[in-house]
Amino acid sequence: MIRFFYVIQMLSAIITVFLVLLHSPKGDGLASIGAASQLFASQKSTEKGLNKLTYFFVLTFIISSFILGYLLKQ
């Protein structure tokens, strides 16, 4: 059972790294201080899907970490 959660944790970590690298850069520099950075920004449907997928794998990683911590404590 512990081995299963190790595999889930490792796969979710690797997939999360690749998904984060696929995101488009959002470095706004000093424009992020005001509202100018969000003036012409809009998310496309593919980027929304990529965000949801990234959130899912990050949540999977966090949950598997908590479960492994609980199982290894016993």
Protein backbone atom coordinates (compact mmCIF):
# COMPACT_ATOMS: atom_id res chain seq x y z
CA MET A 1 0.00 0.00 0.00
CA ILE A 2 2.84 2.38 0.83
CA ARG A 3 4.52 1.51 -2.46
CA PHE A 4 1.33 2.47 -4.33
CA PHE A 5 1.34 5.94 -2.75
CA TYR A 6 5.06 6.32 -3.48
CA VAL A 7 4.35 5.65 -7.15
CA ILE A 8 1.41 8.07 -7.18
CA GLN A 9 3.52 10.74 -5.50
CA MET A 10 6.44 10.35 -7.89
CA LEU A 11 4.24 10.33 -11.01
CA SER A 12 2.29 13.37 -9.88
CA ALA A 13 5.54 15.22 -9.08
CA ILE A 14 7.05 14.49 -12.49
CA ILE A 15 3.86 15.37 -14.36
CA THR A 16 3.49 18.59 -12.34
CA VAL A 17 7.01 19.68 -13.29
CA PHE A 18 6.28 19.13 -16.98
CA LEU A 19 2.92 20.91 -16.77
CA VAL A 20 4.46 23.92 -15.04
CA LEU A 21 7.11 24.09 -17.76
CA LEU A 22 4.36 24.09 -20.42
CA HIS A 23 2.73 27.22 -19.00
CA SER A 24 3.29 30.48 -20.83
CA PRO A 25 5.50 32.98 -19.00
CA LYS A 26 3.57 35.58 -17.07
CA GLY A 27 6.40 37.83 -15.90
CA ASP A 28 4.98 41.34 -16.00
CA GLY A 29 7.81 43.14 -14.29
CA LEU A 30 6.86 46.55 -12.91
CA ALA A 31 3.54 46.47 -14.77
CA SER A 32 2.24 44.03 -12.17
CA ILE A 33 2.19 46.80 -9.55
CA GLY A 34 -0.81 48.49 -11.15
CA ALA A 35 -3.72 47.03 -13.04
CA ALA A 36 -1.97 47.47 -16.39
CA SER A 37 -0.82 43.87 -16.46
CA GLN A 38 -4.40 42.55 -16.49
CA LEU A 39 -5.75 45.11 -18.96
CA PHE A 40 -5.25 43.09 -22.12
CA ALA A 41 -4.72 39.66 -20.60
CA SER A 42 -7.22 36.88 -21.24
CA GLN A 43 -6.91 33.17 -20.77
CA LYS A 44 -7.52 30.90 -23.72
CA SER A 45 -9.41 27.65 -23.28
CA THR A 46 -6.25 25.56 -23.65
CA GLU A 47 -4.53 27.55 -20.91
CA LYS A 48 -7.56 27.15 -18.65
CA GLY A 49 -7.45 23.41 -19.22
CA LEU A 50 -3.73 23.35 -18.52
CA ASN A 51 -4.31 25.26 -15.27
CA LYS A 52 -6.99 22.79 -14.15
CA LEU A 53 -4.77 19.83 -14.99
CA THR A 54 -1.87 21.38 -13.08
CA TYR A 55 -4.08 22.03 -10.04
CA PHE A 56 -5.28 18.41 -10.14
CA PHE A 57 -1.77 16.96 -10.12
CA VAL A 58 -0.58 19.37 -7.43
CA LEU A 59 -3.54 18.38 -5.27
CA THR A 60 -2.80 14.70 -5.94
CA PHE A 61 0.80 15.25 -4.85
CA ILE A 62 -0.23 17.03 -1.65
CA ILE A 63 -2.82 14.41 -0.69
CA SER A 64 -0.43 11.54 -1.37
CA SER A 65 2.21 13.29 0.75
CA PHE A 66 -0.18 13.56 3.68
CA ILE A 67 -1.26 9.93 3.32
CA LEU A 68 2.35 8.73 3.14
CA GLY A 69 3.23 10.80 6.19
CA TYR A 70 0.34 9.25 8.09
CA LEU A 71 1.14 5.70 6.98
CA LEU A 72 4.85 6.00 7.75
CA LYS A 73 4.16 7.44 11.21
CA GLN A 74 2.34 4.29 12.31
